[in-house]
Amino acid sequence: MLQDKFGRRFHYLRLSVTDVCNFKCTYCLPDGYKGSDRSFLTMPEIDTITKAFAGLGTSKIRITGGEPSLRKDLPEIIEKCASVEGIKHVAMTTNAYKLERDVFDYQKAGLNSLNISIDSFNPHIFNSITGHNKLDSILKGIESALELGIKVKVNAVLMKQYNGNEMSRFLKWIKDKPVTLRFIELMQTGDNATFFGQNHVSGEPIKKQLIDAGWVQTIRGKAAGPAQEFQHPEYAGKIGLIMPYSEDFCASCNRLRISSTGKLHLCLFADQGIDIRPYMVNSNPEELQQALIANLSNKTATHYLHDGYTGATKHLAMLGG
């Protein structure tokens, strides 16, 4: 089992397969993706990574981007991850741009769950945030995913100037839908300091509002993410709050990240990625495992976001959050 010097165990890998994204979200890539000639992880490298982590006790893999659906071999990537012994859950974070068309292929390949970014249920605001008029198609894709038995979570980044008054609309949507709607505090990155200052909203008042309205906090599983989740007897869906600026947020950290170019990130806001691609050359999971264990000793106790530190993360598309 991968374990750091603070006793935290890592059951969960976030695996980025591209940093390309076709959305222009105001808090991440307001000017759009800037192209590069970088070489993204190959299928043999993904196979080596998956086997190495599974051999060290990882049971959950989340495929991220940028936007992972921009890779034409995404179904094959899902199938590869799902086929490795020890991997019990394959998830994906996506903007769902292609979900309505491709969701059956994802389910057939072995995808268990989806996290989908929807920062507003107002089509005009959604378009102003993302640069795309795709909300209706995304919602249809979610319905199809649920029909296929894929577990769905919807992520909404809290932004004062965009969705600050949409709580009632969000709650109405989950009244009869078995999804978890997660509100994420806007995080400061290297490129968004001004936007952060204008739009950051704390999740604590929302937590109090939920508790006062009869929502009850649930217990997290060992491979669950950092969200505090709440349920209500009158709602089919759940509410999650991801509050990275809250006290002890990092105490329950259970995930590691590998970038689309083969760098190990011990934290989303680490100083830099650690190049572990050379350990994938011979398709030998054991060599990669030794490198992972050796580098894990450098993982720090916290991300230091509360001190205004953003590390090497210029924008969230670099690692898919």
C-alpha atoms as a PDB file:
ATOM      1  CA  MET A   1       0.000   0.000   0.000  1.00  0.00           C
ATOM      2  CA  LEU A   2       1.224   3.476  -0.887  1.00  0.00           C
ATOM      3  CA  GLN A   3       1.479   5.428   2.351  1.00  0.00           C
ATOM      4  CA  ASP A   4       3.179   8.726   3.191  1.00  0.00           C
ATOM      5  CA  LYS A   5       5.007   9.776   6.357  1.00  0.00           C
ATOM      6  CA  PHE A   6       1.771  11.240   7.762  1.00  0.00           C
ATOM      7  CA  GLY A   7       0.028   7.865   7.612  1.00  0.00           C
ATOM      8  CA  ARG A   8      -2.215   8.771   4.664  1.00  0.00           C
ATOM      9  CA  ARG A   9      -2.930   5.881   2.287  1.00  0.00           C
ATOM     10  CA  PHE A  10      -3.482   6.358  -1.413  1.00  0.00           C
ATOM     11  CA  HIS A  11      -6.263   4.245  -2.878  1.00  0.00           C
ATOM     12  CA  TYR A  12      -7.021   6.682  -5.662  1.00  0.00           C
ATOM     13  CA  LEU A  13      -5.136   7.789  -8.805  1.00  0.00           C
ATOM     14  CA  ARG A  14      -6.112  10.740 -10.956  1.00  0.00           C
ATOM     15  CA  LEU A  15      -4.646   9.992 -14.386  1.00  0.00           C
ATOM     16  CA  SER A  16      -4.557  12.818 -16.922  1.00  0.00           C
ATOM     17  CA  VAL A  17      -4.474  11.627 -20.526  1.00  0.00           C
ATOM     18  CA  THR A  18      -4.313  15.062 -22.208  1.00  0.00           C
ATOM     19  CA  ASP A  19      -4.090  18.690 -21.147  1.00  0.00           C
ATOM     20  CA  VAL A  20      -6.009  19.859 -24.215  1.00  0.00           C
ATOM     21  CA  CYS A  21      -9.458  21.328 -23.527  1.00  0.00           C
ATOM     22  CA  ASN A  22     -12.046  22.672 -25.964  1.00  0.00           C
ATOM     23  CA  PHE A  23     -13.862  24.853 -23.394  1.00  0.00           C
ATOM     24  CA  LYS A  24     -12.853  28.386 -22.398  1.00  0.00           C
ATOM     25  CA  CYS A  25     -14.022  28.431 -18.794  1.00  0.00           C
ATOM     26  CA  THR A  26     -13.589  31.832 -17.200  1.00  0.00           C
ATOM     27  CA  TYR A  27     -11.833  30.448 -14.111  1.00  0.00           C
ATOM     28  CA  CYS A  28      -9.488  28.081 -15.955  1.00  0.00           C
ATOM     29  CA  LEU A  29      -8.772  28.839 -19.627  1.00  0.00           C
ATOM     30  CA  PRO A  30     -10.502  32.156 -20.415  1.00  0.00           C
ATOM     31  CA  ASP A  31      -8.375  32.592 -23.544  1.00  0.00           C
ATOM     32  CA  GLY A  32      -8.702  28.975 -24.625  1.00  0.00           C
ATOM     33  CA  TYR A  33      -6.128  26.213 -24.801  1.00  0.00           C
ATOM     34  CA  LYS A  34      -2.718  27.195 -26.109  1.00  0.00           C
ATOM     35  CA  GLY A  35      -1.396  24.395 -28.297  1.00  0.00           C
ATOM     36  CA  SER A  36       1.841  22.572 -27.695  1.00  0.00           C
ATOM     37  CA  ASP A  37       3.914  19.806 -29.235  1.00  0.00           C
ATOM     38  CA  ARG A  38       3.976  17.717 -26.059  1.00  0.00           C
ATOM     39  CA  SER A  39       3.724  13.950 -26.328  1.00  0.00           C
ATOM     40  CA  PHE A  40       0.918  12.544 -24.198  1.00  0.00           C
ATOM     41  CA  LEU A  41       0.954   9.171 -22.454  1.00  0.00           C
ATOM     42  CA  THR A  42       0.753   6.191 -24.783  1.00  0.00           C
ATOM     43  CA  MET A  43      -1.389   3.110 -24.269  1.00  0.00           C
ATOM     44  CA  PRO A  44       1.571   0.948 -23.131  1.00  0.00           C
ATOM     45  CA  GLU A  45       2.551   3.673 -20.650  1.00  0.00           C
ATOM     46  CA  ILE A  46      -1.005   3.857 -19.328  1.00  0.00           C
ATOM     47  CA  ASP A  47      -0.965   0.072 -18.937  1.00  0.00           C
ATOM     48  CA  THR A  48       2.284   0.233 -16.943  1.00  0.00           C
ATOM     49  CA  ILE A  49       0.970   3.039 -14.723  1.00  0.00           C
ATOM     50  CA  THR A  50      -2.281   1.222 -14.000  1.00  0.00           C
ATOM     51  CA  LYS A  51      -0.562  -2.053 -13.141  1.00  0.00           C
ATOM     52  CA  ALA A  52       2.022  -0.312 -10.951  1.00  0.00           C
ATOM     53  CA  PHE A  53      -0.583   1.546  -8.913  1.00  0.00           C
ATOM     54  CA  ALA A  54      -2.903  -1.456  -8.671  1.00  0.00           C
ATOM     55  CA  GLY A  55      -0.005  -3.525  -7.341  1.00  0.00           C
ATOM     56  CA  LEU A  56       0.467  -0.941  -4.590  1.00  0.00           C
ATOM     57  CA  GLY A  57      -3.129  -1.030  -3.416  1.00  0.00           C
ATOM     58  CA  THR A  58      -4.801   1.568  -5.633  1.00  0.00           C
ATOM     59  CA  SER A  59      -8.388   0.517  -6.333  1.00  0.00           C
ATOM     60  CA  LYS A  60      -9.815   3.573  -8.089  1.00  0.00           C
ATOM     61  CA  ILE A  61      -8.630   5.404 -11.196  1.00  0.00           C
ATOM     62  CA  ARG A  62     -10.119   8.644 -12.432  1.00  0.00           C
ATOM     63  CA  ILE A  63      -9.344   9.554 -16.032  1.00  0.00           C
ATOM     64  CA  THR A  64      -8.992  13.314 -16.443  1.00  0.00           C
ATOM     65  CA  GLY A  65      -7.700  15.919 -18.874  1.00  0.00           C
ATOM     66  CA  GLY A  66      -7.848  18.752 -19.942  1.00  0.00           C
ATOM     67  CA  GLU A  67     -10.818  17.118 -21.629  1.00  0.00           C
ATOM     68  CA  PRO A  68     -10.250  13.339 -21.936  1.00  0.00           C
ATOM     69  CA  SER A  69     -12.891  12.833 -24.642  1.00  0.00           C
ATOM     70  CA  LEU A  70     -10.636  14.708 -27.078  1.00  0.00           C
ATOM     71  CA  ARG A  71      -8.517  11.546 -27.237  1.00  0.00           C
ATOM     72  CA  LYS A  72      -9.891   9.263 -29.938  1.00  0.00           C
ATOM     73  CA  ASP A  73      -8.694   6.195 -28.028  1.00  0.00           C
ATOM     74  CA  LEU A  74     -10.591   7.102 -24.834  1.00  0.00           C
ATOM     75  CA  PRO A  75     -12.765   3.935 -24.854  1.00  0.00           C
ATOM     76  CA  GLU A  76      -9.600   1.832 -25.137  1.00  0.00           C
ATOM     77  CA  ILE A  77      -8.041   3.747 -22.217  1.00  0.00           C
ATOM     78  CA  ILE A  78     -11.128   3.077 -20.087  1.00  0.00           C
ATOM     79  CA  GLU A  79     -11.085  -0.597 -21.038  1.00  0.00           C
ATOM     80  CA  LYS A  80      -7.376  -0.894 -20.231  1.00  0.00           C
ATOM     81  CA  CYS A  81      -7.817   0.610 -16.757  1.00  0.00           C
ATOM     82  CA  ALA A  82     -10.896  -1.496 -16.019  1.00  0.00           C
ATOM     83  CA  SER A  83      -9.180  -4.726 -17.030  1.00  0.00           C
ATOM     84  CA  VAL A  84      -6.290  -4.520 -14.554  1.00  0.00           C
ATOM     85  CA  GLU A  85      -6.598  -6.766 -11.516  1.00  0.00           C
ATOM     86  CA  GLY A  86      -7.177  -4.751  -8.362  1.00  0.00           C
ATOM     87  CA  ILE A  87      -8.854  -1.798 -10.057  1.00  0.00           C
ATOM     88  CA  LYS A  88     -12.427  -1.862  -8.817  1.00  0.00           C
ATOM     89  CA  HIS A  89     -13.658   1.505 -10.016  1.00  0.00           C
ATOM     90  CA  VAL A  90     -12.955   3.524 -13.174  1.00  0.00           C
ATOM     91  CA  ALA A  91     -14.257   7.086 -13.190  1.00  0.00           C
ATOM     92  CA  MET A  92     -13.860  10.042 -15.519  1.00  0.00           C
ATOM     93  CA  THR A  93     -14.046  13.810 -15.157  1.00  0.00           C
ATOM     94  CA  THR A  94     -15.336  15.496 -18.309  1.00  0.00           C
ATOM     95  CA  ASN A  95     -17.046  18.577 -19.645  1.00  0.00           C
ATOM     96  CA  ALA A  96     -19.447  16.096 -21.331  1.00  0.00           C
ATOM     97  CA  TYR A  97     -19.142  17.803 -24.710  1.00  0.00           C
ATOM     98  CA  LYS A  98     -19.350  14.390 -26.428  1.00  0.00           C
ATOM     99  CA  LEU A  99     -21.272  12.506 -23.750  1.00  0.00           C
ATOM    100  CA  GLU A 100     -24.639  12.321 -25.505  1.00  0.00           C
ATOM    101  CA  ARG A 101     -22.981  10.649 -28.491  1.00  0.00           C
ATOM    102  CA  ASP A 102     -20.380   8.439 -26.799  1.00  0.00           C
ATOM    103  CA  VAL A 103     -21.763   7.454 -23.386  1.00  0.00           C
ATOM    104  CA  PHE A 104     -22.669   3.922 -24.503  1.00  0.00           C
ATOM    105  CA  ASP A 105     -19.073   3.327 -25.651  1.00  0.00           C
ATOM    106  CA  TYR A 106     -17.798   4.469 -22.244  1.00  0.00           C
ATOM    107  CA  GLN A 107     -20.185   2.166 -20.391  1.00  0.00           C
ATOM    108  CA  LYS A 108     -19.345  -0.776 -22.632  1.00  0.00           C
ATOM    109  CA  ALA A 109     -15.616  -0.187 -22.004  1.00  0.00           C
ATOM    110  CA  GLY A 110     -16.124  -0.445 -18.245  1.00  0.00           C
ATOM    111  CA  LEU A 111     -16.706   3.094 -16.962  1.00  0.00           C
ATOM    112  CA  ASN A 112     -18.379   3.115 -13.535  1.00  0.00           C
ATOM    113  CA  SER A 113     -18.898   6.803 -12.824  1.00  0.00           C
ATOM    114  CA  LEU A 114     -18.723  10.298 -14.260  1.00  0.00           C
ATOM    115  CA  ASN A 115     -17.977  13.720 -12.822  1.00  0.00           C
ATOM    116  CA  ILE A 116     -19.406  16.374 -15.123  1.00  0.00           C
ATOM    117  CA  SER A 117     -18.765  20.111 -14.944  1.00  0.00           C
ATOM    118  CA  ILE A 118     -21.917  22.243 -15.039  1.00  0.00           C
ATOM    119  CA  ASP A 119     -21.358  25.619 -13.431  1.00  0.00           C
ATOM    120  CA  SER A 120     -24.811  26.975 -14.250  1.00  0.00           C
ATOM    121  CA  PHE A 121     -28.211  25.608 -15.265  1.00  0.00           C
ATOM    122  CA  ASN A 122     -28.978  28.864 -17.010  1.00  0.00           C
ATOM    123  CA  PRO A 123     -28.081  28.233 -20.693  1.00  0.00           C
ATOM    124  CA  HIS A 124     -26.955  31.819 -21.244  1.00  0.00           C
ATOM    125  CA  ILE A 125     -24.701  31.871 -18.178  1.00  0.00           C
ATOM    126  CA  PHE A 126     -23.379  28.398 -19.037  1.00  0.00           C
ATOM    127  CA  ASN A 127     -22.436  29.716 -22.472  1.00  0.00           C
ATOM    128  CA  SER A 128     -20.760  32.798 -21.000  1.00  0.00           C
ATOM    129  CA  ILE A 129     -18.686  30.630 -18.629  1.00  0.00           C
ATOM    130  CA  THR A 130     -17.633  27.908 -21.092  1.00  0.00           C
ATOM    131  CA  GLY A 131     -17.874  29.519 -24.520  1.00  0.00           C
ATOM    132  CA  HIS A 132     -20.218  26.732 -25.670  1.00  0.00           C
ATOM    133  CA  ASN A 133     -23.976  26.424 -26.045  1.00  0.00           C
ATOM    134  CA  LYS A 134     -24.014  22.732 -25.066  1.00  0.00           C
ATOM    135  CA  LEU A 135     -26.042  22.595 -21.846  1.00  0.00           C
ATOM    136  CA  ASP A 136     -29.046  20.816 -23.378  1.00  0.00           C
ATOM    137  CA  SER A 137     -26.871  18.125 -24.966  1.00  0.00           C
ATOM    138  CA  ILE A 138     -24.942  17.622 -21.721  1.00  0.00           C
ATOM    139  CA  LEU A 139     -28.151  17.161 -19.729  1.00  0.00           C
ATOM    140  CA  LYS A 140     -29.370  14.586 -22.278  1.00  0.00           C
ATOM    141  CA  GLY A 141     -26.035  12.782 -21.933  1.00  0.00           C
ATOM    142  CA  ILE A 142     -26.486  12.651 -18.166  1.00  0.00           C
ATOM    143  CA  GLU A 143     -29.933  11.077 -18.558  1.00  0.00           C
ATOM    144  CA  SER A 144     -28.434   8.423 -20.848  1.00  0.00           C
ATOM    145  CA  ALA A 145     -25.595   7.744 -18.414  1.00  0.00           C
ATOM    146  CA  LEU A 146     -28.051   7.218 -15.549  1.00  0.00           C
ATOM    147  CA  GLU A 147     -30.128   4.851 -17.691  1.00  0.00           C
ATOM    148  CA  LEU A 148     -26.974   2.828 -18.375  1.00  0.00           C
ATOM    149  CA  GLY A 149     -26.228   2.520 -14.650  1.00  0.00           C
ATOM    150  CA  ILE A 150     -23.307   4.963 -14.604  1.00  0.00           C
ATOM    151  CA  LYS A 151     -23.047   6.894 -11.351  1.00  0.00           C
ATOM    152  CA  VAL A 152     -23.087  10.645 -11.989  1.00  0.00           C
ATOM    153  CA  LYS A 153     -21.747  13.591 -10.026  1.00  0.00           C
ATOM    154  CA  VAL A 154     -22.080  17.149 -11.259  1.00  0.00           C
ATOM    155  CA  ASN A 155     -19.425  19.700 -10.300  1.00  0.00           C
ATOM    156  CA  ALA A 156     -20.249  23.399 -10.025  1.00  0.00           C
ATOM    157  CA  VAL A 157     -17.517  25.889  -9.180  1.00  0.00           C
ATOM    158  CA  LEU A 158     -18.906  28.591  -6.904  1.00  0.00           C
ATOM    159  CA  MET A 159     -18.462  32.028  -8.479  1.00  0.00           C
ATOM    160  CA  LYS A 160     -19.986  35.157  -6.996  1.00  0.00           C
ATOM    161  CA  GLN A 161     -20.548  36.950 -10.301  1.00  0.00           C
ATOM    162  CA  TYR A 162     -21.882  33.946 -12.248  1.00  0.00           C
ATOM    163  CA  ASN A 163     -23.867  31.418 -10.225  1.00  0.00           C
ATOM    164  CA  GLY A 164     -24.073  33.017  -6.795  1.00  0.00           C
ATOM    165  CA  ASN A 165     -27.878  33.185  -6.910  1.00  0.00           C
ATOM    166  CA  GLU A 166     -28.606  29.776  -8.460  1.00  0.00           C
ATOM    167  CA  MET A 167     -28.936  27.628  -5.331  1.00  0.00           C
ATOM    168  CA  SER A 168     -32.682  27.144  -5.744  1.00  0.00           C
ATOM    169  CA  ARG A 169     -32.238  26.099  -9.371  1.00  0.00           C
ATOM    170  CA  PHE A 170     -29.520  23.594  -8.429  1.00  0.00           C
ATOM    171  CA  LEU A 171     -31.638  22.110  -5.625  1.00  0.00           C
ATOM    172  CA  LYS A 172     -34.685  21.809  -7.863  1.00  0.00           C
ATOM    173  CA  TRP A 173     -32.660  19.806 -10.393  1.00  0.00           C
ATOM    174  CA  ILE A 174     -31.600  17.126  -7.879  1.00  0.00           C
ATOM    175  CA  LYS A 175     -35.062  16.813  -6.321  1.00  0.00           C
ATOM    176  CA  ASP A 176     -35.825  13.705  -8.391  1.00  0.00           C
ATOM    177  CA  LYS A 177     -32.408  12.819  -9.859  1.00  0.00           C
ATOM    178  CA  PRO A 178     -30.076  10.305  -8.140  1.00  0.00           C
ATOM    179  CA  VAL A 179     -26.957  12.396  -8.685  1.00  0.00           C
ATOM    180  CA  THR A 180     -24.554  14.159  -6.345  1.00  0.00           C
ATOM    181  CA  LEU A 181     -24.272  17.876  -7.025  1.00  0.00           C
ATOM    182  CA  ARG A 182     -20.953  19.146  -5.694  1.00  0.00           C
ATOM    183  CA  PHE A 183     -20.224  22.785  -5.072  1.00  0.00           C
ATOM    184  CA  ILE A 184     -16.502  23.505  -5.333  1.00  0.00           C
ATOM    185  CA  GLU A 185     -14.864  26.567  -3.874  1.00  0.00           C
ATOM    186  CA  LEU A 186     -13.013  28.517  -6.533  1.00  0.00           C
ATOM    187  CA  MET A 187      -9.289  27.858  -6.103  1.00  0.00           C
ATOM    188  CA  GLN A 188      -6.565  30.360  -6.815  1.00  0.00           C
ATOM    189  CA  THR A 189      -4.095  29.273  -9.502  1.00  0.00           C
ATOM    190  CA  GLY A 190      -1.136  30.984 -11.093  1.00  0.00           C
ATOM    191  CA  ASP A 191      -3.232  32.562 -13.851  1.00  0.00           C
ATOM    192  CA  ASN A 192      -6.442  33.609 -12.084  1.00  0.00           C
ATOM    193  CA  ALA A 193      -5.509  35.790  -9.078  1.00  0.00           C
ATOM    194  CA  THR A 194      -7.721  38.736 -10.092  1.00  0.00           C
ATOM    195  CA  PHE A 195     -10.671  36.532 -11.015  1.00  0.00           C
ATOM    196  CA  PHE A 196     -10.275  34.644  -7.736  1.00  0.00           C
ATOM    197  CA  GLY A 197     -10.405  37.832  -5.712  1.00  0.00           C
ATOM    198  CA  GLN A 198     -13.585  38.950  -7.474  1.00  0.00           C
ATOM    199  CA  ASN A 199     -15.432  35.634  -7.366  1.00  0.00           C
ATOM    200  CA  HIS A 200     -14.347  33.408  -4.480  1.00  0.00           C
ATOM    201  CA  VAL A 201     -17.255  32.221  -2.329  1.00  0.00           C
ATOM    202  CA  SER A 202     -16.772  30.216   0.867  1.00  0.00           C
ATOM    203  CA  GLY A 203     -18.666  26.954   1.177  1.00  0.00           C
ATOM    204  CA  GLU A 204     -19.173  27.317   4.928  1.00  0.00           C
ATOM    205  CA  PRO A 205     -22.350  29.467   4.717  1.00  0.00           C
ATOM    206  CA  ILE A 206     -23.808  26.948   2.262  1.00  0.00           C
ATOM    207  CA  LYS A 207     -23.002  24.116   4.671  1.00  0.00           C
ATOM    208  CA  LYS A 208     -24.851  25.930   7.444  1.00  0.00           C
ATOM    209  CA  GLN A 209     -27.782  26.605   5.114  1.00  0.00           C
ATOM    210  CA  LEU A 210     -28.013  22.910   4.220  1.00  0.00           C
ATOM    211  CA  ILE A 211     -27.863  21.737   7.844  1.00  0.00           C
ATOM    212  CA  ASP A 212     -30.500  24.285   8.863  1.00  0.00           C
ATOM    213  CA  ALA A 213     -32.732  22.949   6.064  1.00  0.00           C
ATOM    214  CA  GLY A 214     -32.497  19.347   7.312  1.00  0.00           C
ATOM    215  CA  TRP A 215     -29.619  17.996   5.249  1.00  0.00           C
ATOM    216  CA  VAL A 216     -27.496  15.403   7.082  1.00  0.00           C
ATOM    217  CA  GLN A 217     -23.792  14.760   6.462  1.00  0.00           C
ATOM    218  CA  THR A 218     -22.867  11.247   5.280  1.00  0.00           C
ATOM    219  CA  ILE A 219     -19.755   9.138   5.975  1.00  0.00           C
ATOM    220  CA  ARG A 220     -17.084   8.986   3.252  1.00  0.00           C
ATOM    221  CA  GLY A 221     -15.647   5.733   1.925  1.00  0.00           C
ATOM    222  CA  LYS A 222     -11.887   5.091   1.818  1.00  0.00           C
ATOM    223  CA  ALA A 223     -11.643   5.782  -1.931  1.00  0.00           C
ATOM    224  CA  ALA A 224     -13.994   8.754  -1.881  1.00  0.00           C
ATOM    225  CA  GLY A 225     -12.919  12.241  -2.837  1.00  0.00           C
ATOM    226  CA  PRO A 226     -12.582  15.238  -0.506  1.00  0.00           C
ATOM    227  CA  ALA A 227     -16.218  16.353  -0.666  1.00  0.00           C
ATOM    228  CA  GLN A 228     -18.346  16.615   2.447  1.00  0.00           C
ATOM    229  CA  GLU A 229     -21.622  15.022   1.295  1.00  0.00           C
ATOM    230  CA  PHE A 230     -25.143  15.666   2.567  1.00  0.00           C
ATOM    231  CA  GLN A 231     -28.450  13.916   1.973  1.00  0.00           C
ATOM    232  CA  HIS A 232     -32.086  14.832   2.611  1.00  0.00           C
ATOM    233  CA  PRO A 233     -35.086  12.493   2.828  1.00  0.00           C
ATOM    234  CA  GLU A 234     -37.046  14.606   0.350  1.00  0.00           C
ATOM    235  CA  TYR A 235     -34.363  14.591  -2.345  1.00  0.00           C
ATOM    236  CA  ALA A 236     -33.245  11.796  -4.671  1.00  0.00           C
ATOM    237  CA  GLY A 237     -29.887  13.495  -5.123  1.00  0.00           C
ATOM    238  CA  LYS A 238     -27.145  14.522  -2.717  1.00  0.00           C
ATOM    239  CA  ILE A 239     -25.148  17.695  -2.165  1.00  0.00           C
ATOM    240  CA  GLY A 240     -21.361  17.756  -1.879  1.00  0.00           C
ATOM    241  CA  LEU A 241     -19.118  20.581  -0.737  1.00  0.00           C
ATOM    242  CA  ILE A 242     -15.443  20.747  -1.664  1.00  0.00           C
ATOM    243  CA  MET A 243     -13.818  23.400   0.500  1.00  0.00           C
ATOM    244  CA  PRO A 244     -10.037  23.367   0.018  1.00  0.00           C
ATOM    245  CA  TYR A 245      -9.594  26.411   2.264  1.00  0.00           C
ATOM    246  CA  SER A 246     -11.233  24.706   5.245  1.00  0.00           C
ATOM    247  CA  GLU A 247      -9.253  23.491   8.243  1.00  0.00           C
ATOM    248  CA  ASP A 248      -7.724  20.001   7.928  1.00  0.00           C
ATOM    249  CA  PHE A 249      -8.834  19.658   4.282  1.00  0.00           C
ATOM    250  CA  CYS A 250      -5.640  17.761   3.435  1.00  0.00           C
ATOM    251  CA  ALA A 251      -5.816  15.365   6.397  1.00  0.00           C
ATOM    252  CA  SER A 252      -7.981  12.930   4.423  1.00  0.00           C
ATOM    253  CA  CYS A 253      -5.970  13.127   1.194  1.00  0.00           C
ATOM    254  CA  ASN A 254      -6.097   9.749  -0.546  1.00  0.00           C
ATOM    255  CA  ARG A 255      -5.098  10.497  -4.137  1.00  0.00           C
ATOM    256  CA  LEU A 256      -2.049  11.010  -6.282  1.00  0.00           C
ATOM    257  CA  ARG A 257      -1.893  12.533  -9.738  1.00  0.00           C
ATOM    258  CA  ILE A 258      -0.026  11.715 -12.923  1.00  0.00           C
ATOM    259  CA  SER A 259       0.009  14.304 -15.672  1.00  0.00           C
ATOM    260  CA  SER A 260      -0.579  13.618 -19.343  1.00  0.00           C
ATOM    261  CA  THR A 261       3.179  13.921 -19.923  1.00  0.00           C
ATOM    262  CA  GLY A 262       4.153  11.376 -17.277  1.00  0.00           C
ATOM    263  CA  LYS A 263       4.883  13.524 -14.234  1.00  0.00           C
ATOM    264  CA  LEU A 264       3.915  12.501 -10.718  1.00  0.00           C
ATOM    265  CA  HIS A 265       2.208  15.304  -8.791  1.00  0.00           C
ATOM    266  CA  LEU A 266       2.101  14.648  -5.064  1.00  0.00           C
ATOM    267  CA  CYS A 267      -0.395  17.516  -4.726  1.00  0.00           C
ATOM    268  CA  LEU A 268      -2.490  19.551  -7.163  1.00  0.00           C
ATOM    269  CA  PHE A 269      -0.506  22.574  -5.978  1.00  0.00           C
ATOM    270  CA  ALA A 270       2.955  21.029  -5.662  1.00  0.00           C
ATOM    271  CA  ASP A 271       6.056  22.999  -6.647  1.00  0.00           C
ATOM    272  CA  GLN A 272       6.555  20.830  -9.695  1.00  0.00           C
ATOM    273  CA  GLY A 273       5.813  17.464 -11.205  1.00  0.00           C
ATOM    274  CA  ILE A 274       8.323  14.638 -10.813  1.00  0.00           C
ATOM    275  CA  ASP A 275       9.254  13.063 -14.130  1.00  0.00           C
ATOM    276  CA  ILE A 276       8.596   9.320 -13.823  1.00  0.00           C
ATOM    277  CA  ARG A 277       8.222   8.633 -17.536  1.00  0.00           C
ATOM    278  CA  PRO A 278      11.692   7.080 -17.807  1.00  0.00           C
ATOM    279  CA  TYR A 279      10.448   4.264 -15.519  1.00  0.00           C
ATOM    280  CA  MET A 280       7.780   3.381 -18.088  1.00  0.00           C
ATOM    281  CA  VAL A 281      10.150   2.774 -20.994  1.00  0.00           C
ATOM    282  CA  ASN A 282      10.547  -0.961 -20.364  1.00  0.00           C
ATOM    283  CA  SER A 283       6.854  -1.491 -19.465  1.00  0.00           C
ATOM    284  CA  ASN A 284       8.052  -2.745 -16.074  1.00  0.00           C
ATOM    285  CA  PRO A 285       5.551  -1.914 -13.301  1.00  0.00           C
ATOM    286  CA  GLU A 286       8.055  -2.917 -10.597  1.00  0.00           C
ATOM    287  CA  GLU A 287      10.538  -0.184 -11.600  1.00  0.00           C
ATOM    288  CA  LEU A 288       7.773   2.389 -11.568  1.00  0.00           C
ATOM    289  CA  GLN A 289       6.561   1.172  -8.171  1.00  0.00           C
ATOM    290  CA  GLN A 290      10.006   1.709  -6.658  1.00  0.00           C
ATOM    291  CA  ALA A 291      10.069   5.252  -8.019  1.00  0.00           C
ATOM    292  CA  LEU A 292       6.597   5.979  -6.620  1.00  0.00           C
ATOM    293  CA  ILE A 293       7.504   4.719  -3.155  1.00  0.00           C
ATOM    294  CA  ALA A 294      10.757   6.701  -3.131  1.00  0.00           C
ATOM    295  CA  ASN A 295       9.104   9.961  -4.174  1.00  0.00           C
ATOM    296  CA  LEU A 296       6.128   9.677  -1.847  1.00  0.00           C
ATOM    297  CA  SER A 297       8.370  10.597   1.092  1.00  0.00           C
ATOM    298  CA  ASN A 298       8.378  14.170  -0.284  1.00  0.00           C
ATOM    299  CA  LYS A 299       4.629  14.693   0.012  1.00  0.00           C
ATOM    300  CA  THR A 300       3.850  17.609   2.318  1.00  0.00           C
ATOM    301  CA  ALA A 301       1.161  17.825   5.002  1.00  0.00           C
ATOM    302  CA  THR A 302      -0.902  20.495   3.227  1.00  0.00           C
ATOM    303  CA  HIS A 303      -1.292  22.422  -0.018  1.00  0.00           C
ATOM    304  CA  TYR A 304      -0.737  25.874   1.599  1.00  0.00           C
ATOM    305  CA  LEU A 305      -3.523  27.378  -0.519  1.00  0.00           C
ATOM    306  CA  HIS A 306      -4.698  29.276   2.541  1.00  0.00           C
ATOM    307  CA  ASP A 307      -1.382  31.175   2.421  1.00  0.00           C
ATOM    308  CA  GLY A 308      -1.945  32.184  -1.212  1.00  0.00           C
ATOM    309  CA  TYR A 309       0.489  29.552  -2.499  1.00  0.00           C
ATOM    310  CA  THR A 310      -0.453  27.983  -5.862  1.00  0.00           C
ATOM    311  CA  GLY A 311       2.700  26.039  -6.707  1.00  0.00           C
ATOM    312  CA  ALA A 312       3.243  25.153 -10.356  1.00  0.00           C
ATOM    313  CA  THR A 313      -0.476  24.953 -11.182  1.00  0.00           C
ATOM    314  CA  LYS A 314      -1.104  27.762 -13.648  1.00  0.00           C
ATOM    315  CA  HIS A 315      -4.604  26.498 -14.483  1.00  0.00           C
ATOM    316  CA  LEU A 316      -6.708  23.478 -13.571  1.00  0.00           C
ATOM    317  CA  ALA A 317      -6.672  21.974 -17.087  1.00  0.00           C
ATOM    318  CA  MET A 318      -3.034  21.046 -16.474  1.00  0.00           C
ATOM    319  CA  LEU A 319      -4.102  18.153 -14.234  1.00  0.00           C
ATOM    320  CA  GLY A 320      -7.884  18.018 -14.452  1.00  0.00           C
ATOM    321  CA  GLY A 321      -8.286  19.203 -10.853  1.00  0.00           C
END
